[in-house]
Amino acid sequence: MIPKKIIRLDNIPCMYIKVETFPTGIDKAFKKLESHFKSLKGKKFYGVLKNDGDNYGYYACVKIDSSLDTEIYKLPEYTIPGGSYASAKLDDWRNNLQKIKEIHKELSTNFEEDETRPFIEYYKSYKELVLYFPVKK
């Protein structure tokens, strides 16, 4: 059983790189996104799996804050929608990537999914990943 709780997220404005091949292209997309910045310190990175109509798309995102001038980077922008999310933490995520799918499955079994919002991965650090599963109110 994965420890989980329901939280409320605010909208998160982001710049992103769309993953060309999911899931094998995730690492490449994040490296490309990170290459735009002199330093990663203070940046908040997210992975977003969202319904793009006929299929799902994965987006490597960085939160837009006052330190980022979006005009300089010329990356596409997206706002991760806020709302109610079931959250679960995954420690040592780099060595446990296979568990992301397992956690997603467990969350979808325990909560009713709001399919209008994306599944979110918040890369809190190189060791800690927080997963957010969109739930209906």
Protein backbone atom coordinates (compact mmCIF):
# COMPACT_ATOMS: atom_id res chain seq x y z
CA MET A 1 0.00 0.00 0.00
CA ILE A 2 1.35 3.40 -1.02
CA PRO A 3 0.90 6.28 1.44
CA LYS A 4 -1.32 8.83 -0.28
CA LYS A 5 -3.43 11.86 0.45
CA ILE A 6 -5.71 14.29 -1.37
CA ILE A 7 -4.32 17.77 -1.84
CA ARG A 8 -5.35 20.86 -3.77
CA LEU A 9 -2.89 22.27 -6.31
CA ASP A 10 -2.99 25.77 -7.76
CA ASN A 11 -2.49 26.28 -11.50
CA ILE A 12 1.21 25.94 -12.40
CA PRO A 13 2.42 28.03 -15.36
CA CYS A 14 5.19 26.21 -17.24
CA MET A 15 7.42 26.13 -20.28
CA TYR A 16 7.82 22.70 -21.84
CA ILE A 17 9.41 20.30 -24.29
CA LYS A 18 7.08 17.61 -25.68
CA VAL A 19 8.48 14.09 -25.51
CA GLU A 20 8.81 12.69 -29.02
CA THR A 21 8.72 9.01 -28.04
CA PHE A 22 7.00 8.01 -24.80
CA PRO A 23 8.36 6.69 -22.49
CA THR A 24 11.85 6.21 -23.94
CA GLY A 25 12.23 9.90 -24.87
CA ILE A 26 11.54 11.34 -21.41
CA ASP A 27 15.18 11.61 -20.36
CA LYS A 28 16.15 13.24 -23.67
CA ALA A 29 13.36 15.82 -23.34
CA PHE A 30 14.36 16.77 -19.80
CA LYS A 31 18.02 17.10 -20.83
CA LYS A 32 16.97 19.37 -23.69
CA LEU A 33 14.81 21.47 -21.34
CA GLU A 34 17.55 21.71 -18.70
CA SER A 35 20.11 22.77 -21.33
CA HIS A 36 18.31 26.12 -21.66
CA PHE A 37 19.37 27.19 -18.17
CA LYS A 38 22.77 28.16 -16.78
CA SER A 39 21.73 26.74 -13.41
CA LEU A 40 18.98 24.37 -12.30
CA LYS A 41 19.06 25.69 -8.75
CA GLY A 42 15.61 26.81 -7.64
CA LYS A 43 13.88 25.47 -10.76
CA LYS A 44 10.83 23.23 -10.32
CA PHE A 45 10.51 20.45 -12.88
CA TYR A 46 7.38 18.48 -13.72
CA GLY A 47 6.46 15.63 -16.01
CA VAL A 48 2.92 15.89 -17.35
CA LEU A 49 1.00 13.05 -18.97
CA LYS A 50 -2.10 14.47 -20.59
CA ASN A 51 -4.75 13.47 -23.06
CA ASP A 52 -4.05 15.13 -26.41
CA GLY A 53 -7.27 14.00 -28.04
CA ASP A 54 -6.68 10.62 -29.68
CA ASN A 55 -3.70 9.68 -27.50
CA TYR A 56 -1.63 10.75 -24.53
CA GLY A 57 1.33 13.13 -24.70
CA TYR A 58 4.12 13.54 -22.16
CA TYR A 59 5.64 16.94 -21.48
CA ALA A 60 8.87 17.82 -19.66
CA CYS A 61 8.03 21.10 -17.88
CA VAL A 62 9.69 23.79 -15.80
CA LYS A 63 7.63 26.12 -13.66
CA ILE A 64 7.63 29.75 -14.76
CA ASP A 65 8.55 32.03 -11.89
CA SER A 66 9.87 35.57 -11.55
CA SER A 67 13.44 34.43 -12.39
CA LEU A 68 12.46 33.13 -15.84
CA ASP A 69 11.99 35.51 -18.73
CA THR A 70 9.85 33.50 -21.12
CA GLU A 71 10.81 35.79 -24.03
CA ILE A 72 14.45 34.71 -23.76
CA TYR A 73 13.81 30.97 -23.86
CA LYS A 74 11.12 30.97 -26.55
CA LEU A 75 9.69 27.67 -25.35
CA PRO A 76 6.01 26.81 -25.63
CA GLU A 77 3.95 27.47 -22.52
CA TYR A 78 1.31 25.40 -20.75
CA THR A 79 -0.55 25.82 -17.49
CA ILE A 80 -0.84 22.65 -15.45
CA PRO A 81 -4.42 22.84 -14.18
CA GLY A 82 -4.96 23.05 -10.45
CA GLY A 83 -7.57 21.14 -8.53
CA SER A 84 -7.83 18.07 -6.34
CA TYR A 85 -5.12 15.45 -6.73
CA ALA A 86 -4.27 12.26 -4.88
CA SER A 87 -0.56 12.39 -4.14
CA ALA A 88 2.03 9.71 -3.46
CA LYS A 89 5.76 10.03 -2.87
CA LEU A 90 8.42 7.87 -4.52
CA ASP A 91 11.87 7.95 -2.93
CA ASP A 92 15.00 7.09 -4.91
CA TRP A 93 12.92 7.43 -8.07
CA ARG A 94 15.88 7.17 -10.46
CA ASN A 95 16.36 3.56 -9.35
CA ASN A 96 12.63 2.85 -9.17
CA LEU A 97 11.18 4.15 -12.43
CA GLN A 98 9.14 0.96 -12.91
CA LYS A 99 7.21 1.83 -9.74
CA ILE A 100 5.66 4.97 -11.31
CA LYS A 101 3.31 2.84 -13.40
CA GLU A 102 2.47 0.69 -10.36
CA ILE A 103 1.66 3.76 -8.26
CA HIS A 104 -0.47 5.22 -11.06
CA LYS A 105 -2.41 1.94 -11.24
CA GLU A 106 -2.93 1.85 -7.48
CA LEU A 107 -4.11 5.47 -7.40
CA SER A 108 -6.52 4.81 -10.28
CA THR A 109 -7.91 1.82 -8.35
CA ASN A 110 -8.46 3.84 -5.18
CA PHE A 111 -9.70 7.14 -6.63
CA GLU A 112 -12.07 8.25 -9.39
CA GLU A 113 -9.95 9.94 -12.05
CA ASP A 114 -10.78 13.36 -13.45
CA GLU A 115 -9.82 12.69 -17.05
CA THR A 116 -9.94 16.40 -17.95
CA ARG A 117 -6.70 17.01 -16.03
CA PRO A 118 -3.25 15.43 -16.39
CA PHE A 119 -1.24 13.00 -14.30
CA ILE A 120 1.68 15.00 -12.85
CA GLU A 121 5.16 14.03 -11.73
CA TYR A 122 6.90 16.66 -9.59
CA TYR A 123 10.64 16.09 -9.51
CA LYS A 124 11.21 17.57 -6.07
CA SER A 125 14.86 16.48 -6.03
CA TYR A 126 17.17 13.90 -7.56
CA LYS A 127 15.94 11.53 -4.85
CA GLU A 128 12.26 12.45 -4.34
CA LEU A 129 9.40 12.34 -6.83
CA VAL A 130 5.83 13.32 -5.95
CA LEU A 131 3.08 11.87 -8.13
CA TYR A 132 -0.25 13.67 -8.50
CA PHE A 133 -3.29 11.79 -9.78
CA PRO A 134 -6.26 14.02 -10.77
CA VAL A 135 -9.38 13.13 -8.80
CA LYS A 136 -13.01 14.12 -9.22
CA LYS A 137 -14.38 16.35 -6.49
